[in-house]
Amino acid sequence: MGTKITAKYDGQCKMCGSSWKVGDEICYQKTPKAICSDRECFKEQGGTLADMQSTIAGSFGSSIVTNLPECTVPDEVKKLTDILDPIFLTAHYWTKERYPAEEVTSDRFGRIRSQNMGFLLQLAMIYLKKDNQ
C-alpha cells in the first residue's frame, strides 16, 4: 500500500509527465512501483492509499459512533488502570524498540502493540496467580 509523502527530490512522473519540487506532497508506493503527484495517475499505476481502500467495517479514516452505557464505574474497576497503564506503556516501548522502522501512528504498529500488550497481560495474570498461592 502506498502513502502520501513529502518529496525529498524534484521529480517527474514517467506516466503522465506531471512534475513536483522538493517539499511537494506526492503519492508513493514501493510495490508495485507507483509515484505521482496526481492521485488519479497514481491509481492508474496500481497505487493505493489507505483512504482509497475499503474494508468490511467501512472505509479507513471514516468516523465511527460509539454508544457508551450509562453506568457508574466501581472503584475496583478504576483500580485496573493502575495495572493496565504501565503494561500499555511497556508494550508501546517494547514494540517501538523491536520495530524501529514502523511508524508509531500506523495501523500495523497498533496491531503489534496490542498483541504485545496481550502477551504482557497473560504474563501478569500468571505472575499474580503464583503470588496469591
Protein backbone atom coordinates (compact mmCIF):
# COMPACT_ATOMS: atom_id res chain seq x y z
CA MET A 1 0.00 0.00 0.00
CA GLY A 2 1.22 3.48 -0.83
CA THR A 3 1.37 6.64 1.19
CA LYS A 4 1.48 10.40 0.76
CA ILE A 5 4.99 11.70 1.32
CA THR A 6 6.84 14.98 1.07
CA ALA A 7 9.17 14.89 -1.92
CA LYS A 8 12.85 14.96 -0.99
CA TYR A 9 13.86 15.47 -4.62
CA ASP A 10 12.45 17.20 -7.67
CA GLY A 11 10.86 14.67 -9.97
CA GLN A 12 8.56 13.91 -12.85
CA CYS A 13 6.01 11.16 -13.39
CA LYS A 14 7.06 8.67 -16.04
CA MET A 15 3.40 8.09 -16.96
CA CYS A 16 1.68 11.48 -17.18
CA GLY A 17 4.66 13.82 -17.10
CA SER A 18 3.48 15.88 -14.13
CA SER A 19 6.36 17.26 -12.12
CA TRP A 20 6.97 18.05 -8.47
CA LYS A 21 9.52 20.01 -6.46
CA VAL A 22 11.21 19.30 -3.14
CA GLY A 23 8.61 19.72 -0.40
CA ASP A 24 5.58 18.96 -2.60
CA GLU A 25 3.18 16.22 -1.49
CA ILE A 26 3.31 13.15 -3.74
CA CYS A 27 1.84 9.65 -3.68
CA TYR A 28 4.42 6.88 -3.44
CA GLN A 29 4.25 3.09 -3.38
CA LYS A 30 7.20 0.73 -3.44
CA THR A 31 5.47 -2.43 -4.77
CA PRO A 32 4.00 -2.29 -7.32
CA LYS A 33 6.07 0.80 -8.08
CA ALA A 34 3.83 3.85 -8.35
CA ILE A 35 4.77 7.51 -7.90
CA CYS A 36 3.00 10.67 -8.98
CA SER A 37 1.73 13.97 -7.62
CA ASP A 38 -1.61 13.29 -9.33
CA ARG A 39 -3.78 10.80 -7.38
CA GLU A 40 -5.61 9.52 -10.47
CA CYS A 41 -2.36 8.78 -12.31
CA PHE A 42 -1.00 7.15 -9.14
CA LYS A 43 -4.09 4.88 -9.05
CA GLU A 44 -3.69 4.03 -12.76
CA GLN A 45 -0.14 2.87 -11.99
CA GLY A 46 -1.60 0.38 -9.48
CA GLY A 47 -1.05 2.52 -6.41
CA THR A 48 -3.43 2.51 -3.47
CA LEU A 49 -3.67 4.76 -0.42
CA ALA A 50 -5.29 3.91 2.90
CA ASP A 51 -8.11 6.39 2.25
CA MET A 52 -8.72 4.72 -1.14
CA GLN A 53 -9.15 1.30 0.48
CA SER A 54 -12.36 -0.07 1.87
CA THR A 55 -12.79 -2.75 4.48
CA ILE A 56 -15.62 -4.94 5.67
CA ALA A 57 -16.22 -2.47 8.51
CA GLY A 58 -16.09 0.57 6.20
CA SER A 59 -13.50 2.98 4.89
CA PHE A 60 -10.24 3.83 6.59
CA GLY A 61 -10.42 7.24 8.16
CA SER A 62 -14.20 7.15 8.43
CA SER A 63 -15.84 8.10 11.70
CA ILE A 64 -17.35 5.52 13.99
CA VAL A 65 -20.08 6.08 16.53
CA THR A 66 -19.75 4.52 19.95
CA ASN A 67 -22.69 4.38 22.33
CA LEU A 68 -21.41 4.39 25.90
CA PRO A 69 -23.65 2.81 28.54
CA GLU A 70 -24.96 4.98 31.33
CA CYS A 71 -23.48 3.40 34.45
CA THR A 72 -21.27 4.06 37.42
CA VAL A 73 -17.77 2.63 37.26
CA PRO A 74 -16.89 0.87 40.56
CA ASP A 75 -13.63 1.77 42.28
CA GLU A 76 -12.37 -1.81 41.80
CA VAL A 77 -12.60 -1.36 38.04
CA LYS A 78 -10.94 2.07 38.18
CA LYS A 79 -8.02 0.46 40.02
CA LEU A 80 -7.35 -1.71 36.96
CA THR A 81 -5.75 1.30 35.27
CA ASP A 82 -3.04 1.08 37.93
CA ILE A 83 -2.11 -2.22 36.26
CA LEU A 84 -3.09 -1.56 32.65
CA ASP A 85 -1.41 1.82 32.13
CA PRO A 86 2.14 0.57 32.90
CA ILE A 87 1.51 -2.55 30.81
CA PHE A 88 0.35 -0.42 27.87
CA LEU A 89 3.38 1.86 28.22
CA THR A 90 5.71 -1.15 28.41
CA ALA A 91 4.07 -2.74 25.35
CA HIS A 92 4.42 0.54 23.44
CA TYR A 93 8.14 0.97 24.08
CA TRP A 94 8.80 -2.75 23.69
CA THR A 95 7.17 -2.66 20.25
CA LYS A 96 8.95 0.57 19.32
CA GLU A 97 12.31 -0.98 20.27
CA ARG A 98 11.71 -4.14 18.23
CA TYR A 99 10.17 -2.39 15.19
CA PRO A 100 12.14 0.87 14.92
CA ALA A 101 11.23 1.46 11.26
CA GLU A 102 7.49 1.15 11.94
CA GLU A 103 5.63 4.46 12.39
CA VAL A 104 4.01 4.53 15.83
CA THR A 105 0.89 6.06 14.26
CA SER A 106 0.49 3.22 11.75
CA ASP A 107 -2.27 0.66 12.00
CA ARG A 108 0.31 -2.15 11.84
CA PHE A 109 2.24 -0.74 14.81
CA GLY A 110 -1.01 -0.57 16.78
CA ARG A 111 -1.84 -4.19 15.99
CA ILE A 112 1.63 -5.37 17.02
CA ARG A 113 1.47 -3.28 20.21
CA SER A 114 -1.94 -4.78 21.03
CA GLN A 115 -0.57 -8.29 20.65
CA ASN A 116 2.38 -7.43 22.88
CA MET A 117 0.02 -5.95 25.46
CA GLY A 118 -1.99 -9.18 25.39
CA PHE A 119 1.16 -11.21 25.99
CA LEU A 120 2.16 -8.97 28.90
CA LEU A 121 -1.33 -9.21 30.41
CA GLN A 122 -1.16 -13.01 30.24
CA LEU A 123 2.22 -12.97 31.94
CA ALA A 124 0.91 -10.57 34.60
CA MET A 125 -2.03 -12.89 35.31
CA ILE A 126 0.30 -15.89 35.68
CA TYR A 127 2.57 -13.88 37.95
CA LEU A 128 -0.33 -12.65 40.11
CA LYS A 129 -1.74 -16.20 40.42
CA LYS A 130 1.61 -17.53 41.65
CA ASP A 131 1.92 -14.59 44.06
CA ASN A 132 -1.51 -15.30 45.59
CA GLN A 133 -0.89 -19.03 46.18
